[in-house]
């Protein structure tokens, strides 16, 4: 399926592809800004800086550790599809923990 989608990109009109990339970029910027301002809005004033720092630190830890884990999975399995399946299941599990975690 992934090969079909990547192959389909080659036959898309270039203007349509530019339009999709612009929309994806705008959505990505909006997501990033929301992620950075959310801890400041939720936490009390005295902990806003710490909360913001924790969010940014965890994000950069993922930037460093993610490719290392992906490389190990790729070496063990030999396919990129298994890397995506592993990370998708990890994200799905984290969503389940966040949704079903009781609030204080």
PDB file of N, CA and C in Angstrom:
ATOM      1  N   UNK A   1       0.820  -1.192   0.000  1.00  0.00           N
ATOM      2  CA  UNK A   1       0.000   0.000   0.000  1.00  0.00           C
ATOM      3  C   UNK A   1       0.865   1.258   0.000  1.00  0.00           C
ATOM      4  N   UNK A   2       1.941   1.245   0.805  1.00  0.00           N
ATOM      5  CA  UNK A   2       2.803   2.420   0.853  1.00  0.00           C
ATOM      6  C   UNK A   2       3.476   2.659  -0.489  1.00  0.00           C
ATOM      7  N   UNK A   3       3.826   1.565  -1.180  1.00  0.00           N
ATOM      8  CA  UNK A   3       4.452   1.710  -2.494  1.00  0.00           C
ATOM      9  C   UNK A   3       3.478   2.330  -3.483  1.00  0.00           C
ATOM     10  N   UNK A   4       2.202   1.967  -3.388  1.00  0.00           N
ATOM     11  CA  UNK A   4       1.195   2.558  -4.263  1.00  0.00           C
ATOM     12  C   UNK A   4       1.065   4.052  -4.011  1.00  0.00           C
ATOM     13  N   UNK A   5       1.024   4.447  -2.734  1.00  0.00           N
ATOM     14  CA  UNK A   5       0.875   5.868  -2.420  1.00  0.00           C
ATOM     15  C   UNK A   5       2.090   6.669  -2.850  1.00  0.00           C
ATOM     16  N   UNK A   6       3.283   6.131  -2.619  1.00  0.00           N
ATOM     17  CA  UNK A   6       4.471   6.869  -3.036  1.00  0.00           C
ATOM     18  C   UNK A   6       4.581   6.917  -4.553  1.00  0.00           C
ATOM     19  N   UNK A   7       4.106   5.877  -5.232  1.00  0.00           N
ATOM     20  CA  UNK A   7       4.101   5.893  -6.685  1.00  0.00           C
ATOM     21  C   UNK A   7       3.064   6.851  -7.242  1.00  0.00           C
ATOM     22  N   UNK A   8       1.945   6.988  -6.546  1.00  0.00           N
ATOM     23  CA  UNK A   8       0.888   7.893  -7.000  1.00  0.00           C
ATOM     24  C   UNK A   8       1.338   9.342  -6.938  1.00  0.00           C
ATOM     25  N   UNK A   9       2.236   9.665  -6.021  1.00  0.00           N
ATOM     26  CA  UNK A   9       2.736  11.030  -5.902  1.00  0.00           C
ATOM     27  C   UNK A   9       3.475  11.446  -7.180  1.00  0.00           C
ATOM     28  N   UNK A  10       4.102  10.487  -7.845  1.00  0.00           N
ATOM     29  CA  UNK A  10       4.840  10.804  -9.058  1.00  0.00           C
ATOM     30  C   UNK A  10       3.923  11.253 -10.188  1.00  0.00           C
ATOM     31  N   UNK A  11       2.659  10.839 -10.159  1.00  0.00           N
ATOM     32  CA  UNK A  11       1.739  11.155 -11.247  1.00  0.00           C
ATOM     33  C   UNK A  11       0.783  12.293 -10.907  1.00  0.00           C
ATOM     34  N   UNK A  12       0.962  12.916  -9.756  1.00  0.00           N
ATOM     35  CA  UNK A  12       0.093  14.022  -9.367  1.00  0.00           C
ATOM     36  C   UNK A  12       0.590  15.290 -10.047  1.00  0.00           C
ATOM     37  N   UNK A  13      -0.332  16.144 -10.377  1.00  0.00           N
ATOM     38  CA  UNK A  13      -0.013  17.436 -10.954  1.00  0.00           C
ATOM     39  C   UNK A  13       0.896  18.206  -9.991  1.00  0.00           C
ATOM     40  N   UNK A  14       1.907  18.887 -10.502  1.00  0.00           N
ATOM     41  CA  UNK A  14       2.859  19.576  -9.647  1.00  0.00           C
ATOM     42  C   UNK A  14       2.198  20.689  -8.840  1.00  0.00           C
ATOM     43  N   UNK A  15       1.232  21.368  -9.398  1.00  0.00           N
ATOM     44  CA  UNK A  15       0.536  22.433  -8.663  1.00  0.00           C
ATOM     45  C   UNK A  15      -0.251  21.835  -7.502  1.00  0.00           C
ATOM     46  N   UNK A  16      -0.895  20.697  -7.739  1.00  0.00           N
ATOM     47  CA  UNK A  16      -1.623  20.030  -6.662  1.00  0.00           C
ATOM     48  C   UNK A  16      -0.676  19.587  -5.561  1.00  0.00           C
ATOM     49  N   UNK A  17       0.491  19.094  -5.930  1.00  0.00           N
ATOM     50  CA  UNK A  17       1.476  18.659  -4.940  1.00  0.00           C
ATOM     51  C   UNK A  17       1.975  19.839  -4.111  1.00  0.00           C
ATOM     52  N   UNK A  18       2.225  20.979  -4.747  1.00  0.00           N
ATOM     53  CA  UNK A  18       2.633  22.173  -4.012  1.00  0.00           C
ATOM     54  C   UNK A  18       1.539  22.614  -3.045  1.00  0.00           C
ATOM     55  N   UNK A  19       0.295  22.564  -3.504  1.00  0.00           N
ATOM     56  CA  UNK A  19      -0.829  22.941  -2.659  1.00  0.00           C
ATOM     57  C   UNK A  19      -0.916  22.032  -1.431  1.00  0.00           C
ATOM     58  N   UNK A  20      -0.773  20.729  -1.632  1.00  0.00           N
ATOM     59  CA  UNK A  20      -0.805  19.794  -0.503  1.00  0.00           C
ATOM     60  C   UNK A  20       0.345  20.037   0.475  1.00  0.00           C
ATOM     61  N   UNK A  21       1.521  20.331  -0.038  1.00  0.00           N
ATOM     62  CA  UNK A  21       2.665  20.589   0.834  1.00  0.00           C
ATOM     63  C   UNK A  21       2.488  21.880   1.633  1.00  0.00           C
ATOM     64  N   UNK A  22       1.901  22.894   1.021  1.00  0.00           N
ATOM     65  CA  UNK A  22       1.646  24.148   1.736  1.00  0.00           C
ATOM     66  C   UNK A  22       0.637  23.920   2.856  1.00  0.00           C
ATOM     67  N   UNK A  23      -0.434  23.196   2.562  1.00  0.00           N
ATOM     68  CA  UNK A  23      -1.440  22.891   3.588  1.00  0.00           C
ATOM     69  C   UNK A  23      -0.814  22.066   4.713  1.00  0.00           C
ATOM     70  N   UNK A  24       0.001  21.067   4.373  1.00  0.00           N
ATOM     71  CA  UNK A  24       0.655  20.243   5.398  1.00  0.00           C
ATOM     72  C   UNK A  24       1.600  21.091   6.256  1.00  0.00           C
ATOM     73  N   UNK A  25       2.303  22.025   5.650  1.00  0.00           N
ATOM     74  CA  UNK A  25       3.192  22.901   6.408  1.00  0.00           C
ATOM     75  C   UNK A  25       2.444  23.806   7.367  1.00  0.00           C
ATOM     76  N   UNK A  26       1.326  24.354   6.921  1.00  0.00           N
ATOM     77  CA  UNK A  26       0.520  25.224   7.791  1.00  0.00           C
ATOM     78  C   UNK A  26      -0.023  24.428   8.967  1.00  0.00           C
ATOM     79  N   UNK A  27      -0.526  23.232   8.716  1.00  0.00           N
ATOM     80  CA  UNK A  27      -1.051  22.402   9.793  1.00  0.00           C
ATOM     81  C   UNK A  27       0.050  22.029  10.771  1.00  0.00           C
ATOM     82  N   UNK A  28       1.237  21.738  10.266  1.00  0.00           N
ATOM     83  CA  UNK A  28       2.355  21.382  11.143  1.00  0.00           C
ATOM     84  C   UNK A  28       2.762  22.557  12.026  1.00  0.00           C
ATOM     85  N   UNK A  29       2.805  23.755  11.491  1.00  0.00           N
ATOM     86  CA  UNK A  29       3.148  24.931  12.283  1.00  0.00           C
ATOM     87  C   UNK A  29       2.094  25.198  13.343  1.00  0.00           C
ATOM     88  N   UNK A  30       0.822  25.065  12.989  1.00  0.00           N
ATOM     89  CA  UNK A  30      -0.249  25.283  13.963  1.00  0.00           C
ATOM     90  C   UNK A  30      -0.179  24.272  15.104  1.00  0.00           C
ATOM     91  N   UNK A  31       0.136  23.028  14.778  1.00  0.00           N
ATOM     92  CA  UNK A  31       0.255  21.987  15.801  1.00  0.00           C
ATOM     93  C   UNK A  31       1.415  22.286  16.738  1.00  0.00           C
ATOM     94  N   UNK A  32       2.530  22.715  16.199  1.00  0.00           N
ATOM     95  CA  UNK A  32       3.710  22.992  17.007  1.00  0.00           C
ATOM     96  C   UNK A  32       3.474  24.179  17.946  1.00  0.00           C
ATOM     97  N   UNK A  33       2.859  25.241  17.438  1.00  0.00           N
ATOM     98  CA  UNK A  33       2.578  26.402  18.284  1.00  0.00           C
ATOM     99  C   UNK A  33       1.614  26.055  19.405  1.00  0.00           C
ATOM    100  N   UNK A  34       0.612  25.256  19.108  1.00  0.00           N
ATOM    101  CA  UNK A  34      -0.340  24.834  20.140  1.00  0.00           C
ATOM    102  C   UNK A  34       0.353  23.994  21.199  1.00  0.00           C
ATOM    103  N   UNK A  35       1.237  23.117  20.766  1.00  0.00           N
ATOM    104  CA  UNK A  35       1.958  22.261  21.708  1.00  0.00           C
ATOM    105  C   UNK A  35       2.828  23.085  22.656  1.00  0.00           C
ATOM    106  N   UNK A  36       3.400  24.174  22.180  1.00  0.00           N
ATOM    107  CA  UNK A  36       4.257  24.988  23.035  1.00  0.00           C
ATOM    108  C   UNK A  36       3.478  25.914  23.966  1.00  0.00           C
ATOM    109  N   UNK A  37       2.300  26.354  23.556  1.00  0.00           N
ATOM    110  CA  UNK A  37       1.547  27.285  24.400  1.00  0.00           C
ATOM    111  C   UNK A  37       0.609  26.582  25.368  1.00  0.00           C
ATOM    112  N   UNK A  38       0.286  25.334  25.126  1.00  0.00           N
ATOM    113  CA  UNK A  38      -0.650  24.623  25.989  1.00  0.00           C
ATOM    114  C   UNK A  38      -0.175  24.487  27.437  1.00  0.00           C
ATOM    115  N   UNK A  39       1.087  24.107  27.720  1.00  0.00           N
ATOM    116  CA  UNK A  39       1.513  24.020  29.121  1.00  0.00           C
ATOM    117  C   UNK A  39       1.478  25.361  29.848  1.00  0.00           C
ATOM    118  N   UNK A  40       1.759  26.435  29.133  1.00  0.00           N
ATOM    119  CA  UNK A  40       1.743  27.770  29.750  1.00  0.00           C
ATOM    120  C   UNK A  40       0.316  28.148  30.151  1.00  0.00           C
ATOM    121  N   UNK A  41      -0.649  27.760  29.348  1.00  0.00           N
ATOM    122  CA  UNK A  41      -2.043  28.075  29.643  1.00  0.00           C
ATOM    123  C   UNK A  41      -2.616  27.201  30.756  1.00  0.00           C
ATOM    124  N   UNK A  42      -2.188  25.955  30.827  1.00  0.00           N
ATOM    125  CA  UNK A  42      -2.766  25.010  31.789  1.00  0.00           C
ATOM    126  C   UNK A  42      -2.151  25.149  33.176  1.00  0.00           C
ATOM    127  N   UNK A  43      -0.843  25.312  33.239  1.00  0.00           N
ATOM    128  CA  UNK A  43      -0.129  25.293  34.525  1.00  0.00           C
ATOM    129  C   UNK A  43      -0.230  26.642  35.234  1.00  0.00           C
ATOM    130  N   UNK A  44      -0.056  26.641  36.561  1.00  0.00           N
ATOM    131  CA  UNK A  44       0.007  27.913  37.287  1.00  0.00           C
ATOM    132  C   UNK A  44       1.219  28.733  36.837  1.00  0.00           C
ATOM    133  N   UNK A  45       1.177  30.029  37.079  1.00  0.00           N
ATOM    134  CA  UNK A  45       2.238  30.932  36.602  1.00  0.00           C
ATOM    135  C   UNK A  45       3.628  30.520  37.085  1.00  0.00           C
ATOM    136  N   UNK A  46       3.718  30.057  38.340  1.00  0.00           N
ATOM    137  CA  UNK A  46       5.049  29.735  38.885  1.00  0.00           C
ATOM    138  C   UNK A  46       5.658  28.470  38.279  1.00  0.00           C
ATOM    139  N   UNK A  47       4.838  27.628  37.617  1.00  0.00           N
ATOM    140  CA  UNK A  47       5.354  26.399  37.011  1.00  0.00           C
ATOM    141  C   UNK A  47       5.300  26.425  35.488  1.00  0.00           C
ATOM    142  N   UNK A  48       4.923  27.549  34.898  1.00  0.00           N
ATOM    143  CA  UNK A  48       4.755  27.626  33.448  1.00  0.00           C
ATOM    144  C   UNK A  48       6.079  27.410  32.707  1.00  0.00           C
ATOM    145  N   UNK A  49       7.150  27.985  33.203  1.00  0.00           N
ATOM    146  CA  UNK A  49       8.451  27.821  32.552  1.00  0.00           C
ATOM    147  C   UNK A  49       8.949  26.394  32.619  1.00  0.00           C
ATOM    148  N   UNK A  50       8.772  25.759  33.767  1.00  0.00           N
ATOM    149  CA  UNK A  50       9.190  24.369  33.920  1.00  0.00           C
ATOM    150  C   UNK A  50       8.375  23.455  33.003  1.00  0.00           C
ATOM    151  N   UNK A  51       7.071  23.678  32.951  1.00  0.00           N
ATOM    152  CA  UNK A  51       6.216  22.849  32.095  1.00  0.00           C
ATOM    153  C   UNK A  51       6.587  23.007  30.631  1.00  0.00           C
ATOM    154  N   UNK A  52       6.868  24.221  30.224  1.00  0.00           N
ATOM    155  CA  UNK A  52       7.271  24.470  28.839  1.00  0.00           C
ATOM    156  C   UNK A  52       8.600  23.788  28.538  1.00  0.00           C
ATOM    157  N   UNK A  53       9.525  23.864  29.472  1.00  0.00           N
ATOM    158  CA  UNK A  53      10.820  23.218  29.296  1.00  0.00           C
ATOM    159  C   UNK A  53      10.720  21.706  29.211  1.00  0.00           C
ATOM    160  N   UNK A  54       9.825  21.119  30.001  1.00  0.00           N
ATOM    161  CA  UNK A  54       9.641  19.671  29.963  1.00  0.00           C
ATOM    162  C   UNK A  54       9.083  19.243  28.608  1.00  0.00           C
ATOM    163  N   UNK A  55       8.114  19.980  28.086  1.00  0.00           N
ATOM    164  CA  UNK A  55       7.530  19.639  26.786  1.00  0.00           C
ATOM    165  C   UNK A  55       8.593  19.706  25.685  1.00  0.00           C
ATOM    166  N   UNK A  56       9.381  20.752  25.670  1.00  0.00           N
ATOM    167  CA  UNK A  56      10.414  20.901  24.645  1.00  0.00           C
ATOM    168  C   UNK A  56      11.499  19.830  24.819  1.00  0.00           C
ATOM    169  N   UNK A  57      11.877  19.537  26.069  1.00  0.00           N
ATOM    170  CA  UNK A  57      12.905  18.522  26.324  1.00  0.00           C
ATOM    171  C   UNK A  57      12.456  17.140  25.860  1.00  0.00           C
ATOM    172  N   UNK A  58      11.215  16.778  26.145  1.00  0.00           N
ATOM    173  CA  UNK A  58      10.712  15.472  25.713  1.00  0.00           C
ATOM    174  C   UNK A  58      10.655  15.407  24.185  1.00  0.00           C
ATOM    175  N   UNK A  59      10.276  16.509  23.553  1.00  0.00           N
ATOM    176  CA  UNK A  59      10.263  16.537  22.092  1.00  0.00           C
ATOM    177  C   UNK A  59      11.647  16.312  21.502  1.00  0.00           C
ATOM    178  N   UNK A  60      12.657  16.962  22.060  1.00  0.00           N
ATOM    179  CA  UNK A  60      14.011  16.783  21.537  1.00  0.00           C
ATOM    180  C   UNK A  60      14.591  15.423  21.892  1.00  0.00           C
ATOM    181  N   UNK A  61      14.162  14.838  22.996  1.00  0.00           N
ATOM    182  CA  UNK A  61      14.594  13.470  23.295  1.00  0.00           C
ATOM    183  C   UNK A  61      14.051  12.513  22.239  1.00  0.00           C
ATOM    184  N   UNK A  62      12.815  12.750  21.808  1.00  0.00           N
ATOM    185  CA  UNK A  62      12.252  11.934  20.737  1.00  0.00           C
ATOM    186  C   UNK A  62      12.984  12.119  19.423  1.00  0.00           C
ATOM    187  N   UNK A  63      13.450  13.330  19.161  1.00  0.00           N
ATOM    188  CA  UNK A  63      14.207  13.592  17.929  1.00  0.00           C
ATOM    189  C   UNK A  63      15.526  12.825  17.935  1.00  0.00           C
ATOM    190  N   UNK A  64      16.141  12.694  19.108  1.00  0.00           N
ATOM    191  CA  UNK A  64      17.421  11.992  19.204  1.00  0.00           C
ATOM    192  C   UNK A  64      17.221  10.479  19.236  1.00  0.00           C
ATOM    193  N   UNK A  65      16.275  10.008  20.025  1.00  0.00           N
ATOM    194  CA  UNK A  65      16.113   8.573  20.240  1.00  0.00           C
ATOM    195  C   UNK A  65      15.326   7.898  19.112  1.00  0.00           C
ATOM    196  N   UNK A  66      14.370   8.604  18.501  1.00  0.00           N
ATOM    197  CA  UNK A  66      13.530   8.014  17.463  1.00  0.00           C
ATOM    198  C   UNK A  66      14.295   7.411  16.298  1.00  0.00           C
ATOM    199  N   UNK A  67      15.219   8.135  15.675  1.00  0.00           N
ATOM    200  CA  UNK A  67      15.972   7.538  14.572  1.00  0.00           C
ATOM    201  C   UNK A  67      16.847   6.361  14.997  1.00  0.00           C
ATOM    202  N   UNK A  68      17.348   6.387  16.227  1.00  0.00           N
ATOM    203  CA  UNK A  68      18.147   5.250  16.701  1.00  0.00           C
ATOM    204  C   UNK A  68      17.291   3.988  16.805  1.00  0.00           C
ATOM    205  N   UNK A  69      16.099   4.121  17.372  1.00  0.00           N
ATOM    206  CA  UNK A  69      15.195   2.976  17.481  1.00  0.00           C
ATOM    207  C   UNK A  69      14.738   2.523  16.099  1.00  0.00           C
ATOM    208  N   UNK A  70      14.416   3.482  15.236  1.00  0.00           N
ATOM    209  CA  UNK A  70      13.981   3.129  13.880  1.00  0.00           C
ATOM    210  C   UNK A  70      15.084   2.396  13.125  1.00  0.00           C
ATOM    211  N   UNK A  71      16.311   2.816  13.304  1.00  0.00           N
ATOM    212  CA  UNK A  71      17.426   2.140  12.650  1.00  0.00           C
ATOM    213  C   UNK A  71      17.608   0.716  13.146  1.00  0.00           C
ATOM    214  N   UNK A  72      17.445   0.506  14.447  1.00  0.00           N
ATOM    215  CA  UNK A  72      17.563  -0.845  14.992  1.00  0.00           C
ATOM    216  C   UNK A  72      16.447  -1.747  14.467  1.00  0.00           C
ATOM    217  N   UNK A  73      15.232  -1.228  14.425  1.00  0.00           N
ATOM    218  CA  UNK A  73      14.111  -2.025  13.903  1.00  0.00           C
ATOM    219  C   UNK A  73      14.337  -2.335  12.425  1.00  0.00           C
ATOM    220  N   UNK A  74      14.824  -1.366  11.684  1.00  0.00           N
ATOM    221  CA  UNK A  74      15.105  -1.581  10.263  1.00  0.00           C
ATOM    222  C   UNK A  74      16.182  -2.640  10.077  1.00  0.00           C
ATOM    223  N   UNK A  75      17.224  -2.621  10.905  1.00  0.00           N
ATOM    224  CA  UNK A  75      18.276  -3.630  10.808  1.00  0.00           C
ATOM    225  C   UNK A  75      17.759  -5.022  11.148  1.00  0.00           C
ATOM    226  N   UNK A  76      16.862  -5.108  12.121  1.00  0.00           N
ATOM    227  CA  UNK A  76      16.345  -6.417  12.531  1.00  0.00           C
ATOM    228  C   UNK A  76      15.349  -6.995  11.530  1.00  0.00           C
ATOM    229  N   UNK A  77      14.488  -6.151  10.985  1.00  0.00           N
ATOM    230  CA  UNK A  77      13.427  -6.655  10.118  1.00  0.00           C
ATOM    231  C   UNK A  77      13.723  -6.495   8.630  1.00  0.00           C
ATOM    232  N   UNK A  78      14.445  -5.469   8.266  1.00  0.00           N
ATOM    233  CA  UNK A  78      14.783  -5.250   6.863  1.00  0.00           C
ATOM    234  C   UNK A  78      13.754  -4.464   6.068  1.00  0.00           C
ATOM    235  N   UNK A  79      12.646  -4.041   6.710  1.00  0.00           N
ATOM    236  CA  UNK A  79      11.642  -3.275   5.983  1.00  0.00           C
ATOM    237  C   UNK A  79      11.271  -2.019   6.761  1.00  0.00           C
ATOM    238  N   UNK A  80      10.969  -0.973   6.019  1.00  0.00           N
ATOM    239  CA  UNK A  80      10.504   0.257   6.656  1.00  0.00           C
ATOM    240  C   UNK A  80       9.071   0.127   7.150  1.00  0.00           C
ATOM    241  N   UNK A  81       8.306  -0.766   6.553  1.00  0.00           N
ATOM    242  CA  UNK A  81       6.917  -0.942   6.965  1.00  0.00           C
ATOM    243  C   UNK A  81       6.831  -1.401   8.416  1.00  0.00           C
ATOM    244  N   UNK A  82       7.749  -2.235   8.858  1.00  0.00           N
ATOM    245  CA  UNK A  82       7.738  -2.672  10.257  1.00  0.00           C
ATOM    246  C   UNK A  82       8.075  -1.524  11.199  1.00  0.00           C
ATOM    247  N   UNK A  83       8.916  -0.603  10.760  1.00  0.00           N
ATOM    248  CA  UNK A  83       9.230   0.577  11.576  1.00  0.00           C
ATOM    249  C   UNK A  83       7.966   1.404  11.791  1.00  0.00           C
ATOM    250  N   UNK A  84       7.225   1.650  10.709  1.00  0.00           N
ATOM    251  CA  UNK A  84       5.997   2.432  10.821  1.00  0.00           C
ATOM    252  C   UNK A  84       4.951   1.707  11.654  1.00  0.00           C
ATOM    253  N   UNK A  85       4.843   0.394  11.485  1.00  0.00           N
ATOM    254  CA  UNK A  85       3.877  -0.379  12.284  1.00  0.00           C
ATOM    255  C   UNK A  85       4.226  -0.318  13.762  1.00  0.00           C
ATOM    256  N   UNK A  86       5.496  -0.428  14.096  1.00  0.00           N
ATOM    257  CA  UNK A  86       5.913  -0.368  15.498  1.00  0.00           C
ATOM    258  C   UNK A  86       5.591   0.999  16.101  1.00  0.00           C
ATOM    259  N   UNK A  87       5.953   2.062  15.400  1.00  0.00           N
ATOM    260  CA  UNK A  87       5.697   3.399  15.934  1.00  0.00           C
ATOM    261  C   UNK A  87       4.209   3.714  15.985  1.00  0.00           C
ATOM    262  N   UNK A  88       3.439   3.215  15.011  1.00  0.00           N
ATOM    263  CA  UNK A  88       1.987   3.409  15.055  1.00  0.00           C
ATOM    264  C   UNK A  88       1.373   2.716  16.258  1.00  0.00           C
ATOM    265  N   UNK A  89       1.817   1.489  16.537  1.00  0.00           N
ATOM    266  CA  UNK A  89       1.276   0.783  17.706  1.00  0.00           C
ATOM    267  C   UNK A  89       1.699   1.479  18.996  1.00  0.00           C
ATOM    268  N   UNK A  90       2.906   2.023  19.031  1.00  0.00           N
ATOM    269  CA  UNK A  90       3.364   2.760  20.211  1.00  0.00           C
ATOM    270  C   UNK A  90       2.510   4.007  20.444  1.00  0.00           C
ATOM    271  N   UNK A  91       2.228   4.740  19.382  1.00  0.00           N
ATOM    272  CA  UNK A  91       1.391   5.938  19.491  1.00  0.00           C
ATOM    273  C   UNK A  91      -0.027   5.558  19.902  1.00  0.00           C
ATOM    274  N   UNK A  92      -0.551   4.472  19.319  1.00  0.00           N
ATOM    275  CA  UNK A  92      -1.901   4.021  19.666  1.00  0.00           C
ATOM    276  C   UNK A  92      -1.981   3.639  21.145  1.00  0.00           C
ATOM    277  N   UNK A  93      -0.959   2.940  21.655  1.00  0.00           N
ATOM    278  CA  UNK A  93      -0.930   2.580  23.080  1.00  0.00           C
ATOM    279  C   UNK A  93      -0.881   3.822  23.960  1.00  0.00           C
ATOM    280  N   UNK A  94      -0.093   4.810  23.582  1.00  0.00           N
ATOM    281  CA  UNK A  94      -0.014   6.036  24.376  1.00  0.00           C
ATOM    282  C   UNK A  94      -1.335   6.794  24.382  1.00  0.00           C
ATOM    283  N   UNK A  95      -2.036   6.788  23.266  1.00  0.00           N
ATOM    284  CA  UNK A  95      -3.352   7.428  23.231  1.00  0.00           C
ATOM    285  C   UNK A  95      -4.314   6.723  24.184  1.00  0.00           C
ATOM    286  N   UNK A  96      -4.250   5.392  24.225  1.00  0.00           N
ATOM    287  CA  UNK A  96      -5.103   4.638  25.135  1.00  0.00           C
ATOM    288  C   UNK A  96      -4.807   4.951  26.586  1.00  0.00           C
ATOM    289  N   UNK A  97      -3.532   5.071  26.928  1.00  0.00           N
ATOM    290  CA  UNK A  97      -3.153   5.416  28.307  1.00  0.00           C
ATOM    291  C   UNK A  97      -3.656   6.805  28.657  1.00  0.00           C
ATOM    292  N   UNK A  98      -3.516   7.735  27.744  1.00  0.00           N
ATOM    293  CA  UNK A  98      -3.965   9.111  28.022  1.00  0.00           C
ATOM    294  C   UNK A  98      -5.484   9.209  28.125  1.00  0.00           C
ATOM    295  N   UNK A  99      -6.194   8.471  27.311  1.00  0.00           N
ATOM    296  CA  UNK A  99      -7.648   8.553  27.323  1.00  0.00           C
ATOM    297  C   UNK A  99      -8.267   7.891  28.553  1.00  0.00           C
ATOM    298  N   UNK A 100      -7.682   6.790  28.990  1.00  0.00           N
ATOM    299  CA  UNK A 100      -8.282   6.033  30.078  1.00  0.00           C
ATOM    300  C   UNK A 100      -7.613   6.264  31.422  1.00  0.00           C
ATOM    301  N   UNK A 101      -6.721   7.229  31.511  1.00  0.00           N
ATOM    302  CA  UNK A 101      -6.069   7.564  32.773  1.00  0.00           C
ATOM    303  C   UNK A 101      -7.028   8.390  33.617  1.00  0.00           C
ATOM    304  N   UNK A 102      -7.334   7.939  34.828  1.00  0.00           N
ATOM    305  CA  UNK A 102      -8.281   8.721  35.638  1.00  0.00           C
ATOM    306  C   UNK A 102      -7.664  10.053  36.084  1.00  0.00           C
ATOM    307  N   UNK A 103      -8.506  11.073  36.092  1.00  0.00           N
ATOM    308  CA  UNK A 103      -8.040  12.393  36.510  1.00  0.00           C
ATOM    309  C   UNK A 103      -8.121  12.505  38.025  1.00  0.00           C
ATOM    310  N   UNK A 104      -7.255  13.339  38.579  1.00  0.00           N
ATOM    311  CA  UNK A 104      -7.251  13.553  40.034  1.00  0.00           C
ATOM    312  C   UNK A 104      -8.363  14.467  40.448  1.00  0.00           C
TER     313      UNK A 104
END
